[in-house]
């Protein structure tokens, strides 16, 4: 979503009505495979249009939905009866402003690459520290061959760098994808890492 003429509101209009992304459903199935738990806490980091947040709520999770765009939180709340849910908290915050509570899951679908490089390492450290032992991170990172890699306000990684980031986790899924395709802004060469990792119990 880097086309200068495309706003976040335009992007949400283009993806309106989509299903929850497969990554979220995959990580939720991993939790379901574990020992049953009455209540789990998730952070939907960069919640966007709220599709994944609503899916989490529907599976009985308590959710903190965070996004830097006020319009994103507004769209999420408009999808809920009475503009709210007893298990939902929302927060408008840029990456550099993040304060994260402890969570069983931090889900970051296509959001972390939009963190500026100057803040990325500190943000990742906050994410790692916020995940409870046995909890999981599920998200995407962009590779250095991505067609957006010349965007100086975004962060891109090599495969080696991504694997180093995961050193405090057990890797449950690590998929590197490089292909030509489409983004909401038009044709795009994707270089993408999609990961699910589980925090190692110390």
N, C-alpha and C. Protein backbone atom coordinates (compact mmCIF):
# COMPACT_ATOMS: atom_id res chain seq x y z
N UNK A 1 0.86 -1.19 0.00
CA UNK A 1 0.00 0.00 0.00
C UNK A 1 0.90 1.23 0.00
N UNK A 2 1.80 1.32 -1.00
CA UNK A 2 2.72 2.45 -1.01
C UNK A 2 2.47 3.42 -2.15
N UNK A 3 1.49 3.16 -3.01
CA UNK A 3 1.16 4.11 -4.06
C UNK A 3 0.76 5.43 -3.41
N UNK A 4 1.41 6.52 -3.82
CA UNK A 4 1.16 7.81 -3.18
C UNK A 4 -0.28 8.27 -3.35
N UNK A 5 -0.95 7.80 -4.39
CA UNK A 5 -2.33 8.23 -4.63
C UNK A 5 -3.35 7.35 -3.91
N UNK A 6 -2.89 6.29 -3.24
CA UNK A 6 -3.78 5.35 -2.57
C UNK A 6 -3.74 5.58 -1.07
N UNK A 7 -4.88 5.92 -0.48
CA UNK A 7 -4.95 6.14 0.96
C UNK A 7 -5.30 4.83 1.65
N UNK A 8 -5.12 4.81 2.98
CA UNK A 8 -5.52 3.62 3.73
C UNK A 8 -7.02 3.37 3.60
N UNK A 9 -7.81 4.44 3.50
CA UNK A 9 -9.25 4.26 3.33
C UNK A 9 -9.55 3.59 1.98
N UNK A 10 -8.79 3.98 0.94
CA UNK A 10 -8.95 3.32 -0.36
C UNK A 10 -8.62 1.83 -0.24
N UNK A 11 -7.55 1.53 0.48
CA UNK A 11 -7.13 0.14 0.65
C UNK A 11 -8.22 -0.68 1.34
N UNK A 12 -8.80 -0.13 2.41
CA UNK A 12 -9.83 -0.87 3.13
C UNK A 12 -11.07 -1.07 2.28
N UNK A 13 -11.36 -0.11 1.41
CA UNK A 13 -12.49 -0.28 0.49
C UNK A 13 -12.24 -1.45 -0.47
N UNK A 14 -10.98 -1.57 -0.93
CA UNK A 14 -10.64 -2.62 -1.88
C UNK A 14 -10.73 -4.02 -1.26
N UNK A 15 -10.45 -4.13 0.05
CA UNK A 15 -10.42 -5.46 0.67
C UNK A 15 -11.68 -5.73 1.50
N UNK A 16 -12.66 -4.85 1.37
CA UNK A 16 -13.88 -5.00 2.17
C UNK A 16 -14.54 -6.35 1.94
N UNK A 17 -14.94 -7.00 3.03
CA UNK A 17 -15.65 -8.26 2.95
C UNK A 17 -14.77 -9.49 2.84
N UNK A 18 -13.45 -9.31 2.97
CA UNK A 18 -12.54 -10.45 2.84
C UNK A 18 -12.67 -11.39 4.05
N UNK A 19 -12.21 -12.61 3.87
CA UNK A 19 -12.17 -13.58 4.97
C UNK A 19 -10.91 -13.35 5.81
N UNK A 20 -10.91 -13.84 7.06
CA UNK A 20 -9.68 -13.76 7.85
C UNK A 20 -8.53 -14.44 7.12
N UNK A 21 -7.34 -13.91 7.25
CA UNK A 21 -6.20 -14.45 6.53
C UNK A 21 -5.83 -15.84 7.06
N UNK A 22 -5.36 -16.71 6.16
CA UNK A 22 -5.03 -18.08 6.56
C UNK A 22 -4.02 -18.15 7.70
N UNK A 23 -3.08 -17.20 7.78
CA UNK A 23 -2.08 -17.23 8.84
C UNK A 23 -2.74 -17.23 10.21
N UNK A 24 -3.74 -16.37 10.41
CA UNK A 24 -4.40 -16.32 11.71
C UNK A 24 -5.09 -17.63 12.01
N UNK A 25 -5.80 -18.18 11.03
CA UNK A 25 -6.52 -19.42 11.29
C UNK A 25 -5.54 -20.55 11.61
N UNK A 26 -4.38 -20.54 10.97
CA UNK A 26 -3.37 -21.57 11.23
C UNK A 26 -2.86 -21.48 12.66
N UNK A 27 -2.55 -20.27 13.12
CA UNK A 27 -2.02 -20.15 14.48
C UNK A 27 -3.11 -20.44 15.51
N UNK A 28 -4.34 -20.09 15.24
CA UNK A 28 -5.42 -20.41 16.17
C UNK A 28 -5.62 -21.92 16.28
N UNK A 29 -5.46 -22.61 15.18
CA UNK A 29 -5.56 -24.07 15.22
C UNK A 29 -4.44 -24.68 16.05
N UNK A 30 -3.26 -24.06 16.02
CA UNK A 30 -2.16 -24.54 16.86
C UNK A 30 -2.49 -24.37 18.34
N UNK A 31 -3.09 -23.25 18.68
CA UNK A 31 -3.52 -23.06 20.08
C UNK A 31 -4.58 -24.07 20.47
N UNK A 32 -5.51 -24.32 19.57
CA UNK A 32 -6.56 -25.30 19.86
C UNK A 32 -5.99 -26.70 20.05
N UNK A 33 -4.89 -26.98 19.37
CA UNK A 33 -4.24 -28.27 19.50
C UNK A 33 -3.57 -28.42 20.87
N UNK A 34 -3.15 -27.30 21.44
CA UNK A 34 -2.54 -27.32 22.78
C UNK A 34 -3.61 -27.63 23.83
N UNK A 35 -3.17 -27.74 25.08
CA UNK A 35 -4.12 -27.97 26.17
C UNK A 35 -5.17 -26.86 26.19
N UNK A 36 -6.45 -27.20 26.39
CA UNK A 36 -7.50 -26.19 26.42
C UNK A 36 -7.25 -25.13 27.49
N UNK A 37 -7.65 -23.93 27.18
CA UNK A 37 -7.46 -22.82 28.10
C UNK A 37 -8.71 -21.95 28.05
N UNK A 38 -9.21 -21.56 29.20
CA UNK A 38 -10.47 -20.83 29.25
C UNK A 38 -10.37 -19.45 28.63
N UNK A 39 -9.25 -18.77 28.85
CA UNK A 39 -9.13 -17.40 28.37
C UNK A 39 -7.72 -17.16 27.86
N UNK A 40 -7.64 -16.58 26.69
CA UNK A 40 -6.34 -16.23 26.13
C UNK A 40 -6.37 -14.77 25.68
N UNK A 41 -5.19 -14.14 25.75
CA UNK A 41 -5.05 -12.73 25.40
C UNK A 41 -4.26 -12.59 24.11
N UNK A 42 -4.80 -11.80 23.18
CA UNK A 42 -4.13 -11.55 21.91
C UNK A 42 -3.95 -10.06 21.69
N UNK A 43 -2.89 -9.72 20.98
CA UNK A 43 -2.70 -8.36 20.47
C UNK A 43 -2.72 -8.45 18.95
N UNK A 44 -3.63 -7.71 18.34
CA UNK A 44 -3.68 -7.63 16.88
C UNK A 44 -2.97 -6.34 16.50
N UNK A 45 -1.71 -6.47 16.13
CA UNK A 45 -0.83 -5.32 15.93
C UNK A 45 -0.90 -4.87 14.48
N UNK A 46 -1.47 -3.69 14.29
CA UNK A 46 -1.79 -3.24 12.94
C UNK A 46 -3.06 -3.92 12.49
N UNK A 47 -4.13 -3.69 13.25
CA UNK A 47 -5.37 -4.45 13.06
C UNK A 47 -6.10 -4.12 11.77
N UNK A 48 -5.74 -3.01 11.13
CA UNK A 48 -6.33 -2.69 9.82
C UNK A 48 -7.83 -2.58 9.86
N UNK A 49 -8.50 -3.31 8.97
CA UNK A 49 -9.96 -3.22 8.88
C UNK A 49 -10.67 -4.04 9.95
N UNK A 50 -9.90 -4.74 10.79
CA UNK A 50 -10.51 -5.44 11.92
C UNK A 50 -10.96 -6.85 11.66
N UNK A 51 -10.74 -7.38 10.47
CA UNK A 51 -11.23 -8.72 10.13
C UNK A 51 -10.65 -9.78 11.07
N UNK A 52 -9.34 -9.71 11.31
CA UNK A 52 -8.71 -10.71 12.17
C UNK A 52 -9.10 -10.50 13.64
N UNK A 53 -9.24 -9.26 14.06
CA UNK A 53 -9.68 -9.00 15.43
C UNK A 53 -11.04 -9.64 15.69
N UNK A 54 -11.95 -9.47 14.77
CA UNK A 54 -13.30 -10.04 14.93
C UNK A 54 -13.24 -11.57 14.94
N UNK A 55 -12.36 -12.14 14.13
CA UNK A 55 -12.20 -13.60 14.14
C UNK A 55 -11.69 -14.08 15.49
N UNK A 56 -10.75 -13.36 16.06
CA UNK A 56 -10.23 -13.71 17.38
C UNK A 56 -11.34 -13.64 18.44
N UNK A 57 -12.10 -12.57 18.41
CA UNK A 57 -13.20 -12.43 19.37
C UNK A 57 -14.19 -13.58 19.22
N UNK A 58 -14.44 -13.98 17.98
CA UNK A 58 -15.37 -15.07 17.73
C UNK A 58 -14.89 -16.41 18.24
N UNK A 59 -13.58 -16.53 18.44
CA UNK A 59 -13.01 -17.76 18.98
C UNK A 59 -12.81 -17.66 20.49
N UNK A 60 -13.34 -16.60 21.11
CA UNK A 60 -13.31 -16.48 22.56
C UNK A 60 -12.08 -15.80 23.14
N UNK A 61 -11.27 -15.18 22.29
CA UNK A 61 -10.07 -14.50 22.77
C UNK A 61 -10.40 -13.11 23.31
N UNK A 62 -9.61 -12.65 24.26
CA UNK A 62 -9.59 -11.24 24.64
C UNK A 62 -8.56 -10.56 23.75
N UNK A 63 -8.94 -9.42 23.17
CA UNK A 63 -8.10 -8.82 22.13
C UNK A 63 -7.83 -7.35 22.42
N UNK A 64 -6.55 -6.97 22.29
CA UNK A 64 -6.15 -5.57 22.22
C UNK A 64 -5.82 -5.30 20.76
N UNK A 65 -6.63 -4.49 20.10
CA UNK A 65 -6.43 -4.14 18.69
C UNK A 65 -5.72 -2.80 18.62
N UNK A 66 -4.57 -2.78 17.95
CA UNK A 66 -3.76 -1.56 17.87
C UNK A 66 -3.56 -1.19 16.41
N UNK A 67 -3.70 0.09 16.10
CA UNK A 67 -3.38 0.57 14.76
C UNK A 67 -3.01 2.05 14.86
N UNK A 68 -2.14 2.48 13.97
CA UNK A 68 -1.73 3.88 13.96
C UNK A 68 -2.72 4.78 13.26
N UNK A 69 -3.69 4.20 12.54
CA UNK A 69 -4.67 4.97 11.80
C UNK A 69 -6.01 5.00 12.54
N UNK A 70 -6.47 6.16 12.99
CA UNK A 70 -7.77 6.23 13.66
C UNK A 70 -8.90 5.63 12.83
N UNK A 71 -8.82 5.75 11.50
CA UNK A 71 -9.88 5.21 10.64
C UNK A 71 -9.96 3.70 10.75
N UNK A 72 -8.84 3.04 11.04
CA UNK A 72 -8.86 1.58 11.18
C UNK A 72 -9.67 1.17 12.40
N UNK A 73 -9.42 1.82 13.51
CA UNK A 73 -10.17 1.51 14.73
C UNK A 73 -11.65 1.82 14.53
N UNK A 74 -11.93 2.91 13.85
CA UNK A 74 -13.33 3.27 13.57
C UNK A 74 -14.01 2.18 12.75
N UNK A 75 -13.33 1.68 11.73
CA UNK A 75 -13.92 0.62 10.89
C UNK A 75 -14.16 -0.65 11.71
N UNK A 76 -13.19 -0.99 12.55
CA UNK A 76 -13.36 -2.17 13.40
C UNK A 76 -14.59 -2.03 14.28
N UNK A 77 -14.72 -0.92 14.98
CA UNK A 77 -15.83 -0.74 15.91
C UNK A 77 -17.18 -0.71 15.20
N UNK A 78 -17.19 -0.19 13.98
CA UNK A 78 -18.45 -0.13 13.23
C UNK A 78 -18.94 -1.52 12.84
N UNK A 79 -18.05 -2.50 12.84
CA UNK A 79 -18.44 -3.88 12.49
C UNK A 79 -19.04 -4.63 13.66
N UNK A 80 -18.99 -4.06 14.85
CA UNK A 80 -19.43 -4.75 16.06
C UNK A 80 -20.77 -4.19 16.54
N UNK A 81 -21.66 -5.03 17.01
CA UNK A 81 -22.94 -4.54 17.56
C UNK A 81 -22.69 -3.56 18.71
N UNK A 82 -23.29 -2.40 18.62
CA UNK A 82 -23.09 -1.41 19.67
C UNK A 82 -21.72 -0.79 19.67
N UNK A 83 -20.97 -0.97 18.57
CA UNK A 83 -19.62 -0.41 18.43
C UNK A 83 -18.67 -0.85 19.53
N UNK A 84 -18.79 -2.09 19.96
CA UNK A 84 -17.87 -2.57 20.98
C UNK A 84 -18.07 -4.05 21.26
N UNK A 85 -17.24 -4.57 22.16
CA UNK A 85 -17.29 -5.98 22.56
C UNK A 85 -16.67 -6.06 23.95
N UNK A 86 -17.24 -6.85 24.87
CA UNK A 86 -16.70 -6.90 26.24
C UNK A 86 -15.27 -7.43 26.32
N UNK A 87 -14.81 -8.15 25.31
CA UNK A 87 -13.45 -8.71 25.33
C UNK A 87 -12.49 -7.92 24.44
N UNK A 88 -12.90 -6.74 24.01
CA UNK A 88 -12.08 -5.94 23.10
C UNK A 88 -11.62 -4.64 23.74
N UNK A 89 -10.33 -4.38 23.58
CA UNK A 89 -9.77 -3.05 23.86
C UNK A 89 -9.15 -2.55 22.56
N UNK A 90 -9.21 -1.26 22.34
CA UNK A 90 -8.59 -0.68 21.15
C UNK A 90 -7.62 0.42 21.56
N UNK A 91 -6.62 0.61 20.70
CA UNK A 91 -5.63 1.65 20.98
C UNK A 91 -5.10 2.19 19.66
N UNK A 92 -5.05 3.50 19.54
CA UNK A 92 -4.44 4.16 18.39
C UNK A 92 -3.02 4.51 18.78
N UNK A 93 -2.04 3.91 18.09
CA UNK A 93 -0.64 4.16 18.44
C UNK A 93 0.25 3.85 17.26
N UNK A 94 1.23 4.69 17.01
CA UNK A 94 2.27 4.41 16.03
C UNK A 94 3.23 3.39 16.63
N UNK A 95 4.01 2.76 15.76
CA UNK A 95 4.95 1.74 16.24
C UNK A 95 5.88 2.28 17.31
N UNK A 96 6.38 3.49 17.12
CA UNK A 96 7.34 4.05 18.07
C UNK A 96 6.71 4.40 19.42
N UNK A 97 5.38 4.36 19.50
CA UNK A 97 4.67 4.68 20.73
C UNK A 97 4.19 3.44 21.47
N UNK A 98 4.50 2.27 20.97
CA UNK A 98 3.90 1.05 21.50
C UNK A 98 4.27 0.78 22.95
N UNK A 99 3.26 0.45 23.72
CA UNK A 99 3.42 -0.13 25.05
C UNK A 99 2.56 -1.39 25.03
N UNK A 100 3.19 -2.55 25.17
CA UNK A 100 2.49 -3.81 24.99
C UNK A 100 2.34 -4.56 26.30
N UNK A 101 1.12 -4.99 26.63
CA UNK A 101 0.93 -5.87 27.78
C UNK A 101 1.35 -7.29 27.43
N UNK A 102 1.41 -8.15 28.42
CA UNK A 102 1.70 -9.55 28.16
C UNK A 102 0.56 -10.18 27.36
N UNK A 103 0.90 -11.09 26.46
CA UNK A 103 -0.11 -11.71 25.61
C UNK A 103 0.30 -13.13 25.25
N UNK A 104 -0.70 -13.96 24.98
CA UNK A 104 -0.46 -15.32 24.50
C UNK A 104 -0.15 -15.33 23.00
N UNK A 105 -0.68 -14.34 22.29
CA UNK A 105 -0.48 -14.25 20.85
C UNK A 105 -0.30 -12.79 20.45
N UNK A 106 0.73 -12.52 19.66
CA UNK A 106 0.82 -11.25 18.95
C UNK A 106 0.74 -11.56 17.47
N UNK A 107 -0.30 -11.03 16.86
CA UNK A 107 -0.57 -11.25 15.44
C UNK A 107 -0.28 -9.94 14.71
N UNK A 108 0.59 -10.01 13.71
CA UNK A 108 0.98 -8.81 12.96
C UNK A 108 0.96 -9.14 11.47
N UNK A 109 -0.22 -9.05 10.88
CA UNK A 109 -0.40 -9.43 9.49
C UNK A 109 -0.08 -8.26 8.57
N UNK A 110 1.06 -8.36 7.87
CA UNK A 110 1.49 -7.34 6.91
C UNK A 110 1.65 -5.96 7.52
N UNK A 111 1.88 -5.86 8.82
CA UNK A 111 1.99 -4.55 9.45
C UNK A 111 3.43 -4.16 9.80
N UNK A 112 4.22 -5.10 10.29
CA UNK A 112 5.56 -4.74 10.78
C UNK A 112 6.46 -4.11 9.72
N UNK A 113 6.39 -4.50 8.44
CA UNK A 113 7.25 -3.84 7.45
C UNK A 113 7.02 -2.32 7.38
N UNK A 114 5.87 -1.84 7.85
CA UNK A 114 5.58 -0.42 7.79
C UNK A 114 6.15 0.35 8.99
N UNK A 115 6.88 -0.35 9.85
CA UNK A 115 7.61 0.29 10.93
C UNK A 115 8.90 0.88 10.36
N UNK A 116 9.18 2.13 10.69
CA UNK A 116 10.39 2.76 10.18
C UNK A 116 11.63 2.05 10.73
N UNK A 117 12.68 1.93 9.90
CA UNK A 117 13.88 1.21 10.34
C UNK A 117 14.48 1.71 11.65
N UNK A 118 14.39 2.99 11.91
CA UNK A 118 14.98 3.54 13.13
C UNK A 118 14.33 3.00 14.39
N UNK A 119 13.09 2.55 14.28
CA UNK A 119 12.35 2.07 15.45
C UNK A 119 12.21 0.55 15.49
N UNK A 120 12.56 -0.12 14.39
CA UNK A 120 12.18 -1.52 14.27
C UNK A 120 12.76 -2.41 15.37
N UNK A 121 14.04 -2.30 15.64
CA UNK A 121 14.67 -3.19 16.62
C UNK A 121 14.02 -3.05 18.00
N UNK A 122 13.72 -1.81 18.39
CA UNK A 122 13.09 -1.58 19.69
C UNK A 122 11.67 -2.14 19.71
N UNK A 123 10.96 -2.00 18.60
CA UNK A 123 9.60 -2.54 18.51
C UNK A 123 9.64 -4.07 18.60
N UNK A 124 10.56 -4.69 17.89
CA UNK A 124 10.65 -6.15 17.93
C UNK A 124 10.99 -6.63 19.34
N UNK A 125 11.87 -5.92 20.03
CA UNK A 125 12.20 -6.31 21.41
C UNK A 125 10.96 -6.24 22.30
N UNK A 126 10.14 -5.21 22.11
CA UNK A 126 8.90 -5.11 22.88
C UNK A 126 7.97 -6.29 22.58
N UNK A 127 7.89 -6.68 21.32
CA UNK A 127 7.05 -7.82 20.94
C UNK A 127 7.55 -9.09 21.61
N UNK A 128 8.84 -9.35 21.52
CA UNK A 128 9.41 -10.55 22.14
C UNK A 128 9.14 -10.58 23.63
N UNK A 129 9.34 -9.45 24.29
CA UNK A 129 9.17 -9.39 25.75
C UNK A 129 7.71 -9.51 26.16
N UNK A 130 6.79 -9.14 25.27
CA UNK A 130 5.36 -9.16 25.62
C UNK A 130 4.74 -10.55 25.48
N UNK A 131 5.37 -11.41 24.70
CA UNK A 131 4.79 -12.75 24.49
C UNK A 131 5.12 -13.65 25.67
N UNK A 132 4.10 -14.24 26.25
CA UNK A 132 4.28 -15.12 27.40
C UNK A 132 5.04 -16.38 26.97
N UNK A 133 5.79 -17.00 27.89
CA UNK A 133 6.40 -18.30 27.57
C UNK A 133 5.33 -19.28 27.09
N UNK A 134 5.59 -19.92 25.97
CA UNK A 134 4.60 -20.80 25.37
C UNK A 134 3.63 -20.09 24.45
N UNK A 135 3.68 -18.75 24.44
CA UNK A 135 2.85 -17.97 23.53
C UNK A 135 3.47 -17.89 22.15
N UNK A 136 2.76 -17.25 21.23
CA UNK A 136 3.19 -17.26 19.84
C UNK A 136 3.18 -15.87 19.21
N UNK A 137 4.05 -15.73 18.22
CA UNK A 137 4.00 -14.60 17.27
C UNK A 137 3.64 -15.17 15.91
N UNK A 138 2.73 -14.50 15.22
CA UNK A 138 2.38 -14.87 13.85
C UNK A 138 2.33 -13.60 13.02
N UNK A 139 3.10 -13.57 11.94
CA UNK A 139 3.10 -12.36 11.13
C UNK A 139 3.95 -12.48 9.89
N UNK A 140 4.03 -11.36 9.18
CA UNK A 140 4.82 -11.29 7.96
C UNK A 140 5.90 -10.22 8.08
N UNK A 141 7.01 -10.48 7.41
CA UNK A 141 8.09 -9.52 7.24
C UNK A 141 8.41 -9.48 5.75
N UNK A 142 8.89 -8.35 5.27
CA UNK A 142 9.21 -8.21 3.85
C UNK A 142 10.70 -8.44 3.63
N UNK A 143 11.02 -9.11 2.52
CA UNK A 143 12.40 -9.37 2.17
C UNK A 143 13.04 -8.25 1.36
N UNK A 144 14.35 -8.31 1.23
CA UNK A 144 15.12 -7.25 0.58
C UNK A 144 14.91 -7.20 -0.92
N UNK A 145 14.34 -8.25 -1.51
CA UNK A 145 14.07 -8.26 -2.95
C UNK A 145 12.67 -7.79 -3.29
N UNK A 146 11.91 -7.37 -2.29
CA UNK A 146 10.56 -6.88 -2.52
C UNK A 146 10.61 -5.60 -3.36
N UNK A 147 9.62 -5.40 -4.21
CA UNK A 147 9.64 -4.22 -5.08
C UNK A 147 9.45 -2.91 -4.32
N UNK A 148 9.05 -2.99 -3.06
CA UNK A 148 8.95 -1.78 -2.24
C UNK A 148 10.22 -1.49 -1.44
N UNK A 149 11.27 -2.28 -1.66
CA UNK A 149 12.45 -2.22 -0.80
C UNK A 149 13.19 -0.88 -0.88
N UNK A 150 12.85 -0.04 -1.86
CA UNK A 150 13.47 1.28 -1.93
C UNK A 150 12.73 2.31 -1.09
N UNK A 151 11.67 1.88 -0.40
CA UNK A 151 10.93 2.79 0.48
C UNK A 151 11.71 2.95 1.79
N UNK A 152 12.22 4.15 2.03
CA UNK A 152 13.12 4.36 3.16
C UNK A 152 12.40 4.39 4.51
N UNK A 153 11.08 4.51 4.51
CA UNK A 153 10.34 4.54 5.76
C UNK A 153 9.75 3.17 6.10
N UNK A 154 10.18 2.12 5.36
CA UNK A 154 9.75 0.75 5.64
C UNK A 154 10.98 -0.10 5.97
N UNK A 155 10.74 -1.28 6.55
CA UNK A 155 11.83 -2.16 6.98
C UNK A 155 11.78 -3.47 6.22
N UNK A 156 12.95 -3.91 5.75
CA UNK A 156 13.08 -5.13 4.97
C UNK A 156 14.21 -5.97 5.54
N UNK A 157 14.12 -7.30 5.35
CA UNK A 157 15.08 -8.21 5.98
C UNK A 157 15.55 -9.29 5.01
N UNK A 158 16.73 -9.82 5.30
CA UNK A 158 17.19 -11.03 4.64
C UNK A 158 16.66 -12.23 5.42
N UNK A 159 16.74 -13.40 4.80
CA UNK A 159 16.31 -14.63 5.48
C UNK A 159 17.11 -14.84 6.75
N UNK A 160 18.41 -14.59 6.69
CA UNK A 160 19.27 -14.77 7.87
C UNK A 160 18.86 -13.84 9.00
N UNK A 161 18.52 -12.61 8.66
CA UNK A 161 18.09 -11.66 9.69
C UNK A 161 16.79 -12.08 10.35
N UNK A 162 15.86 -12.58 9.55
CA UNK A 162 14.59 -13.03 10.12
C UNK A 162 14.82 -14.21 11.06
N UNK A 163 15.64 -15.15 10.65
CA UNK A 163 15.90 -16.31 11.52
C UNK A 163 16.61 -15.89 12.80
N UNK A 164 17.48 -14.91 12.73
CA UNK A 164 18.13 -14.41 13.94
C UNK A 164 17.11 -13.76 14.87
N UNK A 165 16.14 -13.06 14.32
CA UNK A 165 15.09 -12.45 15.13
C UNK A 165 14.31 -13.49 15.93
N UNK A 166 14.25 -14.72 15.42
CA UNK A 166 13.43 -15.76 16.03
C UNK A 166 14.21 -16.64 17.01
N UNK A 167 15.36 -16.20 17.45
CA UNK A 167 16.23 -17.07 18.25
C UNK A 167 15.64 -17.42 19.61
N UNK A 168 14.69 -16.64 20.12
CA UNK A 168 14.07 -16.95 21.41
C UNK A 168 12.78 -17.75 21.25
N UNK A 169 12.56 -18.26 20.04
CA UNK A 169 11.33 -18.97 19.73
C UNK A 169 11.63 -20.33 19.11
N UNK A 170 10.66 -21.21 19.24
CA UNK A 170 10.64 -22.44 18.44
C UNK A 170 9.90 -22.11 17.15
N UNK A 171 10.53 -22.36 16.02
CA UNK A 171 9.91 -22.06 14.73
C UNK A 171 8.93 -23.17 14.36
N UNK A 172 7.66 -22.82 14.24
CA UNK A 172 6.62 -23.79 13.87
C UNK A 172 6.30 -23.72 12.38
N UNK A 173 6.48 -22.53 11.79
CA UNK A 173 6.26 -22.38 10.36
C UNK A 173 7.10 -21.21 9.87
N UNK A 174 7.85 -21.43 8.80
CA UNK A 174 8.70 -20.38 8.21
C UNK A 174 8.61 -20.54 6.71
N UNK A 175 7.90 -19.62 6.06
CA UNK A 175 7.69 -19.71 4.62
C UNK A 175 8.24 -18.45 3.96
N UNK A 176 9.19 -18.62 3.06
CA UNK A 176 9.71 -17.51 2.27
C UNK A 176 9.09 -17.58 0.88
N UNK A 177 8.51 -16.48 0.44
CA UNK A 177 7.84 -16.43 -0.85
C UNK A 177 8.43 -15.28 -1.66
N UNK A 178 8.78 -15.56 -2.91
CA UNK A 178 9.21 -14.51 -3.82
C UNK A 178 8.54 -14.75 -5.16
N UNK A 179 7.67 -13.81 -5.55
CA UNK A 179 6.94 -13.99 -6.80
C UNK A 179 6.33 -12.67 -7.25
N UNK A 180 6.02 -12.58 -8.52
CA UNK A 180 5.29 -11.43 -9.06
C UNK A 180 3.81 -11.63 -8.77
N UNK A 181 3.16 -10.53 -8.41
CA UNK A 181 1.75 -10.62 -8.09
C UNK A 181 1.10 -9.26 -8.06
N UNK A 182 0.07 -9.14 -7.26
CA UNK A 182 -0.70 -7.90 -7.17
C UNK A 182 -0.75 -7.42 -5.73
N UNK A 183 -0.76 -6.13 -5.55
CA UNK A 183 -1.09 -5.49 -4.28
C UNK A 183 -2.30 -4.59 -4.54
N UNK A 184 -2.84 -4.01 -3.49
CA UNK A 184 -3.98 -3.12 -3.68
C UNK A 184 -3.62 -1.94 -4.58
N UNK A 185 -2.34 -1.57 -4.60
CA UNK A 185 -1.88 -0.44 -5.40
C UNK A 185 -1.52 -0.82 -6.82
N UNK A 186 -1.53 -2.15 -7.13
CA UNK A 186 -1.22 -2.57 -8.50
C UNK A 186 -0.21 -3.70 -8.53
N UNK A 187 0.41 -3.95 -9.69
CA UNK A 187 1.40 -5.03 -9.81
C UNK A 187 2.56 -4.86 -8.83
N UNK A 188 3.06 -5.99 -8.32
CA UNK A 188 4.09 -5.93 -7.29
C UNK A 188 4.92 -7.20 -7.32
N UNK A 189 6.23 -7.07 -7.07
CA UNK A 189 7.08 -8.23 -6.83
C UNK A 189 7.15 -8.43 -5.32
N UNK A 190 6.63 -9.55 -4.88
CA UNK A 190 6.60 -9.86 -3.45
C UNK A 190 7.85 -10.62 -3.03
N UNK A 191 8.44 -10.22 -1.93
CA UNK A 191 9.45 -11.02 -1.23
C UNK A 191 9.02 -10.99 0.23
N UNK A 192 8.54 -12.12 0.71
CA UNK A 192 7.78 -12.15 1.95
C UNK A 192 8.18 -13.34 2.81
N UNK A 193 8.28 -13.08 4.11
CA UNK A 193 8.47 -14.15 5.09
C UNK A 193 7.21 -14.22 5.95
N UNK A 194 6.61 -15.39 6.01
CA UNK A 194 5.43 -15.61 6.85
C UNK A 194 5.83 -16.61 7.93
N UNK A 195 5.70 -16.21 9.19
CA UNK A 195 6.23 -17.04 10.27
C UNK A 195 5.21 -17.24 11.37
N UNK A 196 5.27 -18.41 11.98
CA UNK A 196 4.61 -18.69 13.25
C UNK A 196 5.68 -19.26 14.16
N UNK A 197 5.88 -18.63 15.31
CA UNK A 197 6.91 -19.08 16.24
C UNK A 197 6.35 -19.10 17.67
N UNK A 198 6.87 -20.01 18.45
CA UNK A 198 6.39 -20.21 19.82
C UNK A 198 7.49 -19.86 20.80
N UNK A 199 7.16 -19.03 21.78
CA UNK A 199 8.15 -18.54 22.75
C UNK A 199 8.68 -19.69 23.58
N UNK A 200 9.99 -19.82 23.64
CA UNK A 200 10.63 -20.89 24.40
C UNK A 200 10.45 -20.63 25.89
N UNK A 201 10.04 -21.66 26.60
CA UNK A 201 9.89 -21.56 28.05
C UNK A 201 11.29 -21.65 28.70
N UNK A 202 11.60 -20.70 29.55
CA UNK A 202 12.93 -20.68 30.16
C UNK A 202 12.94 -21.50 31.45
